[in-house]
Amino acid sequence: MNAPALFSDACSKKHQERKLIRFSQEQIFSVAAEVENYKEFVPWCQRSVIVDVRDEDNFSAELEVGFKMFVERVRYTSEVTLTRPNKVVSKVSDSTLFNHLDTTWEFAPGPTPNTCWLSFRTDFEFKSPLYAQVANVFFDEVVRRMMGAFEKRCLKLYGNAPTQQQAGRDPLAYKVYKVG
């Protein structure tokens, strides 16, 4: 195997997890679909703007991210497709940061009222070897913060979620399932 192939594989990252959260499918869908508000709660997101609306379920968004350890901010454009209230899919279409970044949020009703199965998948590859190495070191923390940011946003918008006991806790329901 040649060196460029080895290096390219090291730059690509995939992650998948499924989690039961104590908000309704419609609530978490709404938070994920309102990309223009990401700047208010998504870690490292400095700016989020809808730049082209094709219809209410298909639009382009420009996001700007910045990391404390790097002085520069980076912008990229994603094509976003909504399937109400089940799915939000985002694919980078213009970026100096990523070769590709595909993200899918899926939502399904939970086992009890006001619960929802949240499935999150991302597949990305940085153009920069430096960013790829940093991502390898901090990847788990980044994913944890991202997932937590959406739950915290729901809490801010919709108030306290029912307790696990009130939600009729299933013994498997609050486990997180990861792949990658």
N, C-alpha and C. Protein backbone atom coordinates (compact mmCIF):
# COMPACT_ATOMS: atom_id res chain seq x y z
N MET A 1 0.85 -1.18 0.00
CA MET A 1 0.00 0.00 0.00
C MET A 1 0.89 1.23 0.00
N ASN A 2 0.57 2.22 -0.83
CA ASN A 2 1.42 3.40 -0.91
C ASN A 2 1.08 4.41 0.18
N ALA A 3 1.98 5.35 0.42
CA ALA A 3 1.81 6.31 1.52
C ALA A 3 0.58 7.20 1.36
N PRO A 4 0.28 7.74 0.16
CA PRO A 4 -0.91 8.59 0.06
C PRO A 4 -2.19 7.86 0.44
N ALA A 5 -2.31 6.61 0.09
CA ALA A 5 -3.52 5.84 0.44
C ALA A 5 -3.62 5.68 1.95
N LEU A 6 -2.52 5.40 2.59
CA LEU A 6 -2.53 5.28 4.05
C LEU A 6 -2.93 6.60 4.69
N PHE A 7 -2.35 7.67 4.18
CA PHE A 7 -2.63 8.98 4.76
C PHE A 7 -4.09 9.36 4.56
N SER A 8 -4.61 9.11 3.39
CA SER A 8 -6.01 9.45 3.10
C SER A 8 -6.96 8.73 4.03
N ASP A 9 -6.72 7.45 4.28
CA ASP A 9 -7.58 6.70 5.19
C ASP A 9 -7.56 7.28 6.59
N ALA A 10 -6.41 7.78 7.02
CA ALA A 10 -6.30 8.33 8.37
C ALA A 10 -7.09 9.62 8.52
N CYS A 11 -7.37 10.32 7.41
CA CYS A 11 -8.08 11.60 7.47
C CYS A 11 -9.59 11.43 7.56
N SER A 12 -10.11 10.28 7.17
CA SER A 12 -11.55 10.06 7.15
C SER A 12 -12.03 9.56 8.51
N LYS A 13 -13.20 10.02 8.92
CA LYS A 13 -13.74 9.65 10.23
C LYS A 13 -15.23 9.40 10.08
N LYS A 14 -15.71 8.37 10.75
CA LYS A 14 -17.14 8.06 10.77
C LYS A 14 -17.58 7.84 12.20
N HIS A 15 -18.82 8.22 12.45
CA HIS A 15 -19.37 8.01 13.79
C HIS A 15 -20.87 7.79 13.64
N GLN A 16 -21.39 6.91 14.49
CA GLN A 16 -22.82 6.65 14.52
C GLN A 16 -23.22 6.35 15.95
N GLU A 17 -24.33 6.91 16.38
CA GLU A 17 -24.86 6.55 17.69
C GLU A 17 -26.37 6.71 17.71
N ARG A 18 -26.97 6.00 18.63
CA ARG A 18 -28.42 6.03 18.82
C ARG A 18 -28.68 6.20 20.30
N LYS A 19 -29.64 7.06 20.61
CA LYS A 19 -29.87 7.40 22.01
C LYS A 19 -31.34 7.76 22.20
N LEU A 20 -31.91 7.38 23.31
CA LEU A 20 -33.26 7.80 23.65
C LEU A 20 -33.15 9.08 24.46
N ILE A 21 -33.88 10.09 24.02
CA ILE A 21 -33.87 11.35 24.76
C ILE A 21 -35.28 11.66 25.23
N ARG A 22 -35.38 12.50 26.23
CA ARG A 22 -36.67 12.79 26.85
C ARG A 22 -37.28 14.08 26.32
N PHE A 23 -37.35 14.15 25.01
CA PHE A 23 -38.09 15.21 24.32
C PHE A 23 -38.81 14.53 23.17
N SER A 24 -39.86 15.18 22.68
CA SER A 24 -40.64 14.56 21.60
C SER A 24 -39.87 14.59 20.28
N GLN A 25 -40.31 13.77 19.37
CA GLN A 25 -39.74 13.71 18.02
C GLN A 25 -39.82 15.09 17.37
N GLU A 26 -40.96 15.74 17.48
CA GLU A 26 -41.15 17.05 16.86
C GLU A 26 -40.23 18.10 17.48
N GLN A 27 -40.02 18.04 18.78
CA GLN A 27 -39.15 19.01 19.44
C GLN A 27 -37.71 18.88 18.98
N ILE A 28 -37.17 17.69 19.00
CA ILE A 28 -35.76 17.52 18.61
C ILE A 28 -35.59 17.76 17.11
N PHE A 29 -36.58 17.37 16.30
CA PHE A 29 -36.52 17.66 14.87
C PHE A 29 -36.42 19.17 14.66
N SER A 30 -37.26 19.92 15.35
CA SER A 30 -37.28 21.37 15.20
C SER A 30 -35.91 21.98 15.52
N VAL A 31 -35.29 21.53 16.57
CA VAL A 31 -33.97 22.04 16.95
C VAL A 31 -32.93 21.71 15.87
N ALA A 32 -32.93 20.49 15.38
CA ALA A 32 -31.96 20.09 14.35
C ALA A 32 -32.22 20.79 13.01
N ALA A 33 -33.48 21.06 12.70
CA ALA A 33 -33.83 21.65 11.41
C ALA A 33 -33.57 23.15 11.34
N GLU A 34 -33.51 23.82 12.46
CA GLU A 34 -33.32 25.27 12.48
C GLU A 34 -31.84 25.62 12.46
N VAL A 35 -31.22 25.32 11.32
CA VAL A 35 -29.78 25.49 11.14
C VAL A 35 -29.35 26.92 11.40
N GLU A 36 -30.20 27.89 11.07
CA GLU A 36 -29.84 29.29 11.27
C GLU A 36 -29.61 29.64 12.74
N ASN A 37 -30.06 28.79 13.66
CA ASN A 37 -29.85 29.03 15.09
C ASN A 37 -28.65 28.28 15.66
N TYR A 38 -27.94 27.50 14.86
CA TYR A 38 -26.81 26.73 15.36
C TYR A 38 -25.77 27.62 16.04
N LYS A 39 -25.60 28.83 15.54
CA LYS A 39 -24.60 29.74 16.13
C LYS A 39 -24.88 30.01 17.60
N GLU A 40 -26.14 29.82 18.02
CA GLU A 40 -26.52 30.09 19.41
C GLU A 40 -26.18 28.95 20.37
N PHE A 41 -25.96 27.74 19.85
CA PHE A 41 -25.76 26.64 20.79
C PHE A 41 -24.81 25.54 20.35
N VAL A 42 -24.46 25.45 19.10
CA VAL A 42 -23.58 24.37 18.64
C VAL A 42 -22.13 24.76 18.95
N PRO A 43 -21.40 23.89 19.64
CA PRO A 43 -20.00 24.20 19.97
C PRO A 43 -19.20 24.54 18.71
N TRP A 44 -18.38 25.55 18.81
CA TRP A 44 -17.47 26.01 17.77
C TRP A 44 -18.15 26.66 16.58
N CYS A 45 -19.46 26.73 16.54
CA CYS A 45 -20.17 27.38 15.44
C CYS A 45 -20.24 28.88 15.73
N GLN A 46 -19.58 29.67 14.91
CA GLN A 46 -19.53 31.11 15.10
C GLN A 46 -20.62 31.84 14.31
N ARG A 47 -21.07 31.21 13.23
CA ARG A 47 -22.05 31.83 12.35
C ARG A 47 -22.83 30.74 11.64
N SER A 48 -24.13 30.95 11.47
CA SER A 48 -24.98 30.01 10.72
C SER A 48 -26.07 30.81 10.03
N VAL A 49 -26.07 30.73 8.70
CA VAL A 49 -26.96 31.55 7.89
C VAL A 49 -27.54 30.70 6.77
N ILE A 50 -28.83 30.84 6.53
CA ILE A 50 -29.46 30.21 5.37
C ILE A 50 -29.16 31.11 4.18
N VAL A 51 -28.55 30.55 3.14
CA VAL A 51 -28.13 31.38 2.00
C VAL A 51 -28.97 31.16 0.75
N ASP A 52 -29.69 30.05 0.66
CA ASP A 52 -30.52 29.79 -0.51
C ASP A 52 -31.63 28.83 -0.12
N VAL A 53 -32.87 29.23 -0.32
CA VAL A 53 -34.01 28.38 0.00
C VAL A 53 -34.67 27.93 -1.30
N ARG A 54 -34.67 26.63 -1.53
CA ARG A 54 -35.32 26.09 -2.73
C ARG A 54 -36.79 25.81 -2.44
N ASP A 55 -37.07 25.29 -1.26
CA ASP A 55 -38.42 25.14 -0.74
C ASP A 55 -38.28 24.95 0.76
N GLU A 56 -39.38 24.77 1.48
CA GLU A 56 -39.29 24.75 2.94
C GLU A 56 -38.48 23.58 3.49
N ASP A 57 -38.23 22.56 2.66
CA ASP A 57 -37.50 21.39 3.12
C ASP A 57 -36.14 21.19 2.45
N ASN A 58 -35.72 22.14 1.63
CA ASN A 58 -34.43 22.04 0.93
C ASN A 58 -33.80 23.42 0.86
N PHE A 59 -32.62 23.55 1.46
CA PHE A 59 -31.96 24.84 1.47
C PHE A 59 -30.46 24.67 1.61
N SER A 60 -29.74 25.75 1.36
CA SER A 60 -28.30 25.80 1.57
C SER A 60 -28.03 26.66 2.79
N ALA A 61 -27.06 26.23 3.57
CA ALA A 61 -26.68 26.99 4.76
C ALA A 61 -25.17 27.17 4.78
N GLU A 62 -24.76 28.33 5.21
CA GLU A 62 -23.34 28.59 5.37
C GLU A 62 -23.03 28.63 6.86
N LEU A 63 -22.06 27.85 7.25
CA LEU A 63 -21.64 27.83 8.65
C LEU A 63 -20.18 28.24 8.74
N GLU A 64 -19.87 28.89 9.83
CA GLU A 64 -18.50 29.29 10.09
C GLU A 64 -18.11 28.70 11.44
N VAL A 65 -16.99 27.99 11.46
CA VAL A 65 -16.53 27.37 12.69
C VAL A 65 -15.17 27.93 13.06
N GLY A 66 -14.93 27.97 14.36
CA GLY A 66 -13.65 28.43 14.87
C GLY A 66 -13.28 27.62 16.10
N PHE A 67 -12.02 27.34 16.23
CA PHE A 67 -11.51 26.55 17.35
C PHE A 67 -10.48 27.37 18.09
N LYS A 68 -10.51 27.31 19.41
CA LYS A 68 -9.61 28.13 20.22
C LYS A 68 -8.14 27.93 19.86
N MET A 69 -7.76 26.69 19.57
CA MET A 69 -6.35 26.42 19.31
C MET A 69 -5.90 26.90 17.94
N PHE A 70 -6.87 27.22 17.05
CA PHE A 70 -6.54 27.73 15.72
C PHE A 70 -7.13 29.12 15.58
N VAL A 71 -6.34 30.05 15.12
CA VAL A 71 -6.77 31.43 15.02
C VAL A 71 -7.83 31.60 13.92
N GLU A 72 -7.69 30.86 12.84
CA GLU A 72 -8.59 31.06 11.70
C GLU A 72 -10.00 30.51 11.95
N ARG A 73 -10.95 31.14 11.30
CA ARG A 73 -12.31 30.65 11.22
C ARG A 73 -12.50 30.12 9.82
N VAL A 74 -13.29 29.08 9.70
CA VAL A 74 -13.47 28.45 8.40
C VAL A 74 -14.96 28.40 8.08
N ARG A 75 -15.32 28.77 6.85
CA ARG A 75 -16.70 28.72 6.39
C ARG A 75 -16.88 27.55 5.44
N TYR A 76 -18.06 26.99 5.49
CA TYR A 76 -18.42 25.98 4.50
C TYR A 76 -19.93 26.04 4.26
N THR A 77 -20.33 25.54 3.10
CA THR A 77 -21.74 25.54 2.72
C THR A 77 -22.22 24.10 2.67
N SER A 78 -23.41 23.89 3.20
CA SER A 78 -24.04 22.56 3.20
C SER A 78 -25.39 22.63 2.53
N GLU A 79 -25.73 21.55 1.87
CA GLU A 79 -27.07 21.38 1.33
C GLU A 79 -27.86 20.59 2.37
N VAL A 80 -28.99 21.13 2.79
CA VAL A 80 -29.77 20.53 3.87
C VAL A 80 -31.12 20.08 3.31
N THR A 81 -31.49 18.85 3.66
CA THR A 81 -32.78 18.29 3.26
C THR A 81 -33.52 17.84 4.51
N LEU A 82 -34.75 18.30 4.65
CA LEU A 82 -35.59 17.94 5.80
C LEU A 82 -36.66 16.95 5.35
N THR A 83 -36.89 15.93 6.16
CA THR A 83 -38.02 15.02 5.99
C THR A 83 -38.78 15.09 7.30
N ARG A 84 -39.77 15.94 7.35
CA ARG A 84 -40.49 16.26 8.59
C ARG A 84 -41.32 15.09 9.09
N PRO A 85 -41.31 14.77 10.34
CA PRO A 85 -40.41 15.15 11.44
C PRO A 85 -39.37 14.07 11.71
N ASN A 86 -38.96 13.38 10.65
CA ASN A 86 -38.14 12.17 10.82
C ASN A 86 -36.64 12.31 10.59
N LYS A 87 -36.23 13.30 9.77
CA LYS A 87 -34.82 13.29 9.37
C LYS A 87 -34.34 14.66 8.94
N VAL A 88 -33.07 14.94 9.25
CA VAL A 88 -32.36 16.11 8.74
C VAL A 88 -31.04 15.59 8.17
N VAL A 89 -30.82 15.85 6.87
CA VAL A 89 -29.60 15.40 6.20
C VAL A 89 -28.85 16.63 5.71
N SER A 90 -27.55 16.65 5.97
CA SER A 90 -26.71 17.76 5.56
C SER A 90 -25.47 17.21 4.85
N LYS A 91 -25.16 17.78 3.69
CA LYS A 91 -23.98 17.38 2.92
C LYS A 91 -23.23 18.64 2.50
N VAL A 92 -21.94 18.68 2.83
CA VAL A 92 -21.15 19.84 2.46
C VAL A 92 -21.02 19.90 0.94
N SER A 93 -21.25 21.10 0.40
CA SER A 93 -21.16 21.29 -1.04
C SER A 93 -20.01 22.21 -1.44
N ASP A 94 -19.54 23.02 -0.50
CA ASP A 94 -18.46 23.95 -0.80
C ASP A 94 -17.65 24.17 0.48
N SER A 95 -16.39 23.72 0.45
CA SER A 95 -15.60 23.81 1.67
C SER A 95 -14.11 23.77 1.37
N THR A 96 -13.37 24.61 2.09
CA THR A 96 -11.92 24.50 2.06
C THR A 96 -11.43 23.63 3.22
N LEU A 97 -12.34 23.29 4.14
CA LEU A 97 -12.01 22.51 5.33
C LEU A 97 -12.19 21.00 5.12
N PHE A 98 -13.28 20.62 4.44
CA PHE A 98 -13.63 19.21 4.30
C PHE A 98 -13.56 18.74 2.85
N ASN A 99 -13.06 17.51 2.67
CA ASN A 99 -13.25 16.83 1.38
C ASN A 99 -14.71 16.42 1.28
N HIS A 100 -15.25 15.95 2.39
CA HIS A 100 -16.68 15.66 2.49
C HIS A 100 -17.10 15.71 3.95
N LEU A 101 -18.35 16.05 4.16
CA LEU A 101 -18.96 16.04 5.50
C LEU A 101 -20.44 15.74 5.28
N ASP A 102 -20.83 14.54 5.64
CA ASP A 102 -22.22 14.11 5.52
C ASP A 102 -22.74 13.81 6.91
N THR A 103 -23.85 14.43 7.26
CA THR A 103 -24.43 14.26 8.59
C THR A 103 -25.91 13.94 8.45
N THR A 104 -26.36 12.95 9.21
CA THR A 104 -27.78 12.58 9.21
C THR A 104 -28.26 12.48 10.64
N TRP A 105 -29.34 13.20 10.93
CA TRP A 105 -30.05 13.11 12.20
C TRP A 105 -31.37 12.42 11.89
N GLU A 106 -31.67 11.33 12.59
CA GLU A 106 -32.96 10.67 12.41
C GLU A 106 -33.68 10.62 13.74
N PHE A 107 -35.00 10.75 13.68
CA PHE A 107 -35.83 10.83 14.87
C PHE A 107 -36.99 9.86 14.74
N ALA A 108 -37.22 9.10 15.79
CA ALA A 108 -38.34 8.16 15.81
C ALA A 108 -38.99 8.24 17.19
N PRO A 109 -40.30 8.06 17.24
CA PRO A 109 -40.98 8.12 18.54
C PRO A 109 -40.37 7.12 19.52
N GLY A 110 -40.25 7.56 20.77
CA GLY A 110 -39.73 6.68 21.82
C GLY A 110 -40.82 5.77 22.36
N PRO A 111 -40.46 4.94 23.34
CA PRO A 111 -41.41 3.96 23.87
C PRO A 111 -42.52 4.57 24.73
N THR A 112 -42.32 5.80 25.16
CA THR A 112 -43.33 6.47 25.99
C THR A 112 -43.53 7.89 25.47
N PRO A 113 -44.62 8.53 25.85
CA PRO A 113 -44.83 9.91 25.39
C PRO A 113 -43.66 10.81 25.76
N ASN A 114 -43.40 11.78 24.90
CA ASN A 114 -42.33 12.76 25.11
C ASN A 114 -40.95 12.14 25.20
N THR A 115 -40.75 11.04 24.49
CA THR A 115 -39.42 10.48 24.31
C THR A 115 -39.20 10.26 22.82
N CYS A 116 -37.95 10.24 22.44
CA CYS A 116 -37.62 10.11 21.03
C CYS A 116 -36.30 9.38 20.88
N TRP A 117 -36.25 8.45 19.93
CA TRP A 117 -34.98 7.84 19.57
C TRP A 117 -34.26 8.79 18.62
N LEU A 118 -33.08 9.19 19.00
CA LEU A 118 -32.25 10.07 18.20
C LEU A 118 -31.10 9.25 17.64
N SER A 119 -31.00 9.18 16.34
CA SER A 119 -29.87 8.52 15.68
C SER A 119 -29.06 9.58 14.95
N PHE A 120 -27.77 9.55 15.16
CA PHE A 120 -26.86 10.53 14.58
C PHE A 120 -25.75 9.79 13.85
N ARG A 121 -25.53 10.17 12.59
CA ARG A 121 -24.44 9.60 11.81
C ARG A 121 -23.67 10.73 11.14
N THR A 122 -22.37 10.61 11.16
CA THR A 122 -21.55 11.57 10.43
C THR A 122 -20.39 10.83 9.78
N ASP A 123 -20.02 11.31 8.63
CA ASP A 123 -18.90 10.77 7.86
C ASP A 123 -18.20 11.98 7.28
N PHE A 124 -16.94 12.17 7.65
CA PHE A 124 -16.24 13.35 7.15
C PHE A 124 -14.77 13.06 6.92
N GLU A 125 -14.19 13.92 6.11
CA GLU A 125 -12.76 13.85 5.84
C GLU A 125 -12.24 15.27 5.69
N PHE A 126 -11.28 15.63 6.52
CA PHE A 126 -10.65 16.94 6.43
C PHE A 126 -9.69 16.98 5.26
N LYS A 127 -9.57 18.16 4.67
CA LYS A 127 -8.56 18.35 3.63
C LYS A 127 -7.17 18.49 4.25
N SER A 128 -7.12 19.07 5.42
CA SER A 128 -5.85 19.35 6.10
C SER A 128 -5.42 18.17 6.96
N PRO A 129 -4.20 17.69 6.78
CA PRO A 129 -3.69 16.63 7.66
C PRO A 129 -3.63 17.06 9.13
N LEU A 130 -3.36 18.35 9.36
CA LEU A 130 -3.31 18.86 10.73
C LEU A 130 -4.67 18.73 11.40
N TYR A 131 -5.74 19.17 10.73
CA TYR A 131 -7.08 19.06 11.28
C TYR A 131 -7.47 17.60 11.48
N ALA A 132 -7.05 16.75 10.56
CA ALA A 132 -7.36 15.32 10.68
C ALA A 132 -6.73 14.73 11.94
N GLN A 133 -5.50 15.10 12.22
CA GLN A 133 -4.83 14.59 13.42
C GLN A 133 -5.47 15.13 14.69
N VAL A 134 -5.83 16.41 14.68
CA VAL A 134 -6.51 17.01 15.83
C VAL A 134 -7.85 16.31 16.05
N ALA A 135 -8.58 16.05 14.97
CA ALA A 135 -9.87 15.35 15.07
C ALA A 135 -9.71 13.98 15.69
N ASN A 136 -8.64 13.28 15.33
CA ASN A 136 -8.41 11.95 15.91
C ASN A 136 -8.22 12.03 17.42
N VAL A 137 -7.55 13.07 17.87
CA VAL A 137 -7.28 13.22 19.30
C VAL A 137 -8.54 13.61 20.08
N PHE A 138 -9.32 14.52 19.52
CA PHE A 138 -10.46 15.11 20.25
C PHE A 138 -11.82 14.61 19.78
N PHE A 139 -11.86 13.62 18.91
CA PHE A 139 -13.09 13.21 18.25
C PHE A 139 -14.21 12.87 19.23
N ASP A 140 -13.95 12.02 20.21
CA ASP A 140 -14.99 11.61 21.16
C ASP A 140 -15.57 12.81 21.92
N GLU A 141 -14.71 13.73 22.30
CA GLU A 141 -15.16 14.92 23.02
C GLU A 141 -16.03 15.80 22.12
N VAL A 142 -15.64 15.96 20.87
CA VAL A 142 -16.40 16.77 19.92
C VAL A 142 -17.80 16.18 19.73
N VAL A 143 -17.89 14.87 19.52
CA VAL A 143 -19.18 14.22 19.30
C VAL A 143 -20.04 14.33 20.56
N ARG A 144 -19.45 14.12 21.72
CA ARG A 144 -20.20 14.22 22.97
C ARG A 144 -20.78 15.62 23.15
N ARG A 145 -19.97 16.63 22.87
CA ARG A 145 -20.44 18.01 23.00
C ARG A 145 -21.54 18.33 22.00
N MET A 146 -21.39 17.82 20.78
CA MET A 146 -22.42 18.07 19.76
C MET A 146 -23.76 17.48 20.18
N MET A 147 -23.76 16.22 20.58
CA MET A 147 -25.00 15.58 21.00
C MET A 147 -25.60 16.31 22.20
N GLY A 148 -24.77 16.64 23.16
CA GLY A 148 -25.23 17.34 24.35
C GLY A 148 -25.80 18.71 24.04
N ALA A 149 -25.24 19.39 23.04
CA ALA A 149 -25.70 20.73 22.68
C ALA A 149 -27.15 20.70 22.21
N PHE A 150 -27.53 19.67 21.46
CA PHE A 150 -28.90 19.60 20.97
C PHE A 150 -29.87 19.30 22.11
N GLU A 151 -29.47 18.44 23.03
CA GLU A 151 -30.33 18.16 24.18
C GLU A 151 -30.47 19.41 25.07
N LYS A 152 -29.37 20.14 25.28
CA LYS A 152 -29.44 21.35 26.09
C LYS A 152 -30.31 22.42 25.42
N ARG A 153 -30.25 22.47 24.11
CA ARG A 153 -31.09 23.43 23.39
C ARG A 153 -32.57 23.10 23.59
N CYS A 154 -32.90 21.81 23.53
CA CYS A 154 -34.29 21.39 23.80
C CYS A 154 -34.70 21.80 25.21
N LEU A 155 -33.81 21.59 26.16
CA LEU A 155 -34.10 21.95 27.54
C LEU A 155 -34.37 23.45 27.65
N LYS A 156 -33.56 24.25 26.98
CA LYS A 156 -33.75 25.70 27.02
C LYS A 156 -35.07 26.11 26.37
N LEU A 157 -35.40 25.50 25.25
CA LEU A 157 -36.62 25.89 24.53
C LEU A 157 -37.89 25.31 25.12
N TYR A 158 -37.82 24.08 25.61
CA TYR A 158 -39.03 23.36 26.00
C TYR A 158 -39.15 23.08 27.49
N GLY A 159 -38.15 23.49 28.26
CA GLY A 159 -38.21 23.28 29.70
C GLY A 159 -37.73 21.91 30.11
N ASN A 160 -37.89 21.63 31.38
CA ASN A 160 -37.42 20.35 31.92
C ASN A 160 -38.12 19.18 31.26
N ALA A 161 -37.33 18.22 30.89
CA ALA A 161 -37.88 16.98 30.36
C ALA A 161 -38.39 16.16 31.54
N PRO A 162 -39.33 15.25 31.31
CA PRO A 162 -39.78 14.40 32.40
C PRO A 162 -38.62 13.58 32.95
N THR A 163 -38.70 13.22 34.21
CA THR A 163 -37.65 12.39 34.78
C THR A 163 -37.68 11.03 34.11
N GLN A 164 -36.63 10.28 34.27
CA GLN A 164 -36.58 8.94 33.68
C GLN A 164 -37.74 8.10 34.20
N GLN A 165 -38.06 8.24 35.47
CA GLN A 165 -39.16 7.47 36.04
C GLN A 165 -40.50 7.91 35.43
N GLN A 166 -40.70 9.21 35.27
CA GLN A 166 -41.92 9.71 34.67
C GLN A 166 -42.03 9.28 33.21
N ALA A 167 -40.92 9.16 32.53
CA ALA A 167 -40.93 8.77 31.13
C ALA A 167 -41.07 7.26 30.96
N GLY A 168 -41.22 6.53 32.07
CA GLY A 168 -41.38 5.08 31.98
C GLY A 168 -40.12 4.40 31.52
N ARG A 169 -39.05 4.67 32.18
CA ARG A 169 -37.73 4.24 31.73
C ARG A 169 -37.65 2.76 31.39
N ASP A 170 -37.21 2.53 30.20
CA ASP A 170 -36.89 1.20 29.69
C ASP A 170 -35.44 0.94 30.10
N PRO A 171 -35.09 -0.25 30.62
CA PRO A 171 -33.72 -0.47 31.08
C PRO A 171 -32.67 -0.28 29.99
N LEU A 172 -33.02 -0.42 28.72
CA LEU A 172 -32.06 -0.21 27.65
C LEU A 172 -32.14 1.19 27.05
N ALA A 173 -33.17 1.92 27.41
CA ALA A 173 -33.49 3.16 26.71
C ALA A 173 -32.43 4.25 26.83
N TYR A 174 -31.73 4.34 27.92
CA TYR A 174 -30.83 5.45 28.10
C TYR A 174 -29.37 5.09 27.84
N LYS A 175 -29.16 3.96 27.21
CA LYS A 175 -27.82 3.60 26.79
C LYS A 175 -27.55 4.26 25.45
N VAL A 176 -26.30 4.53 25.21
CA VAL A 176 -25.87 5.10 23.94
C VAL A 176 -25.18 4.01 23.16
N TYR A 177 -25.55 3.86 21.91
CA TYR A 177 -24.98 2.83 21.05
C TYR A 177 -24.09 3.52 20.02
N LYS A 178 -22.81 3.16 19.99
CA LYS A 178 -21.87 3.81 19.09
C LYS A 178 -21.30 2.80 18.10
N VAL A 179 -21.03 3.31 16.91
CA VAL A 179 -20.34 2.54 15.90
C VAL A 179 -19.25 3.44 15.35
N GLY A 180 -18.06 2.92 15.18
CA GLY A 180 -17.00 3.74 14.56
C GLY A 180 -16.15 4.28 15.58
